[in-house]
Protein backbone atom coordinates (compact mmCIF):
# COMPACT_ATOMS: atom_id res chain seq x y z
CA UNK A 1 0.00 0.00 0.00
CA UNK A 2 1.48 3.37 -0.96
CA UNK A 3 1.30 6.57 1.12
CA UNK A 4 -1.81 7.88 -0.64
CA UNK A 5 -3.66 4.60 -0.17
CA UNK A 6 -2.63 4.47 3.47
CA UNK A 7 -3.85 8.03 3.99
CA UNK A 8 -7.21 7.17 2.41
CA UNK A 9 -7.61 4.03 4.52
CA UNK A 10 -6.83 5.91 7.73
CA UNK A 11 -9.30 8.61 6.77
CA UNK A 12 -11.95 5.93 6.25
CA UNK A 13 -11.19 4.49 9.70
CA UNK A 14 -11.59 7.96 11.16
CA UNK A 15 -15.28 7.73 10.24
CA UNK A 16 -15.54 5.16 13.06
CA UNK A 17 -13.60 7.44 15.41
CA UNK A 18 -15.93 10.32 14.51
CA UNK A 19 -19.04 8.26 15.18
CA UNK A 20 -17.72 7.17 18.58
CA UNK A 21 -16.96 10.81 19.38
CA UNK A 22 -20.48 11.83 18.36
CA UNK A 23 -21.98 9.02 20.41
CA UNK A 24 -20.01 10.11 23.48
CA UNK A 25 -20.92 13.74 22.90
CA UNK A 26 -24.65 12.99 22.91
CA UNK A 27 -24.81 10.14 25.44
CA UNK A 28 -26.65 10.75 28.70
CA UNK A 29 -23.30 10.14 30.42
CA UNK A 30 -21.52 12.83 28.38
CA UNK A 31 -20.65 14.86 31.48
CA UNK A 32 -18.34 12.16 32.83
CA UNK A 33 -14.82 13.69 32.92
CA UNK A 34 -13.18 10.62 31.38
CA UNK A 35 -15.58 10.67 28.44
CA UNK A 36 -14.98 14.37 27.92
CA UNK A 37 -11.23 13.68 27.77
CA UNK A 38 -11.72 10.85 25.27
CA UNK A 39 -13.93 13.05 23.08
CA UNK A 40 -11.37 15.86 23.15
CA UNK A 41 -8.49 13.60 22.11
CA UNK A 42 -10.51 11.98 19.32
CA UNK A 43 -11.41 15.40 17.98
CA UNK A 44 -7.83 16.68 18.28
CA UNK A 45 -6.53 13.71 16.30
CA UNK A 46 -8.97 14.24 13.47
CA UNK A 47 -8.46 18.00 13.49
CA UNK A 48 -4.69 17.58 13.21
CA UNK A 49 -5.16 15.53 10.03
CA UNK A 50 -7.66 17.89 8.42
CA UNK A 51 -5.25 20.24 6.66
CA UNK A 52 -3.01 17.55 5.13
CA UNK A 53 -6.14 15.65 4.07
CA UNK A 54 -7.65 18.70 2.37
CA UNK A 55 -4.34 19.27 0.56
CA UNK A 56 -4.05 15.55 -0.22
CA UNK A 57 -0.52 15.65 1.18
CA UNK A 58 -0.01 12.02 2.13
CA UNK A 59 3.46 12.48 3.61
CA UNK A 60 2.36 15.32 5.92
CA UNK A 61 -0.81 13.39 6.80
CA UNK A 62 1.09 10.25 7.79
CA UNK A 63 3.72 12.23 9.70
CA UNK A 64 1.02 13.98 11.74
CA UNK A 65 -0.93 10.75 12.19
CA UNK A 66 2.18 9.07 13.64
CA UNK A 67 2.95 12.03 15.88
CA UNK A 68 -0.54 12.06 17.40
CA UNK A 69 -1.05 8.27 17.52
CA UNK A 70 0.15 7.75 21.13
CA UNK A 71 -2.50 10.15 22.45
CA UNK A 72 -5.18 8.44 20.35
CA UNK A 73 -4.11 5.05 21.69
CA UNK A 74 -4.13 6.35 25.26
CA UNK A 75 -7.65 7.76 24.81
CA UNK A 76 -8.80 4.45 23.38
CA UNK A 77 -7.36 2.59 26.37
CA UNK A 78 -9.01 5.02 28.75
CA UNK A 79 -12.37 4.54 27.06
CA UNK A 80 -12.04 0.75 27.13
CA UNK A 81 -11.20 0.92 30.84
CA UNK A 82 -13.95 3.29 31.97
CA UNK A 83 -16.83 2.45 29.62
CA UNK A 84 -17.99 -0.65 31.54
CA UNK A 85 -17.98 1.33 34.79
CA UNK A 86 -20.03 4.13 33.23
CA UNK A 87 -22.55 1.99 31.39
CA UNK A 88 -23.08 -1.64 30.44
CA UNK A 89 -25.41 -0.63 27.61
CA UNK A 90 -24.85 -2.25 24.24
CA UNK A 91 -24.18 1.19 22.71
CA UNK A 92 -21.13 1.57 24.93
CA UNK A 93 -19.98 -1.95 24.16
CA UNK A 94 -20.25 -1.38 20.41
CA UNK A 95 -18.56 2.03 20.64
CA UNK A 96 -15.69 0.41 22.53
CA UNK A 97 -15.30 -2.28 19.87
CA UNK A 98 -15.52 0.25 17.06
CA UNK A 99 -12.89 2.55 18.56
CA UNK A 100 -10.54 -0.32 19.45
CA UNK A 101 -10.77 -1.73 15.93
CA UNK A 102 -10.19 1.60 14.21
CA UNK A 103 -7.28 2.63 16.46
CA UNK A 104 -5.63 -0.78 16.15
CA UNK A 105 -5.82 -0.72 12.36
CA UNK A 106 -4.56 2.88 12.23
CA UNK A 107 -1.60 1.77 14.35
CA UNK A 108 -0.92 -1.19 12.08
CA UNK A 109 -1.07 0.96 8.97
CA UNK A 110 1.30 3.52 10.43
CA UNK A 111 3.73 0.83 11.60
CA UNK A 112 3.89 -0.60 8.09
CA UNK A 113 4.93 2.74 6.54
């Protein structure tokens, strides 16, 4: 997979990240401090990639994606840890799975470049 294809795949995976962020933003439990932190980091990651995406600059996109990846992974881990304590609802379970899957694949893609 070349840099442009990797950029496009990561951007597709960010659709999952965005939907998790939106879910957390509108959930009844949205005021929980841990969820607010997770939402902020998810948004920051996507925001950081916006300019290189709009310019279709794959090298800058991947560089920024790598730079911000540790914070994204930390937010994912935090969400996985606190979600069951906050709610056992299926929506939280599915959001956890969705975020874990997207973040893991983003990590794999960035490791392969």
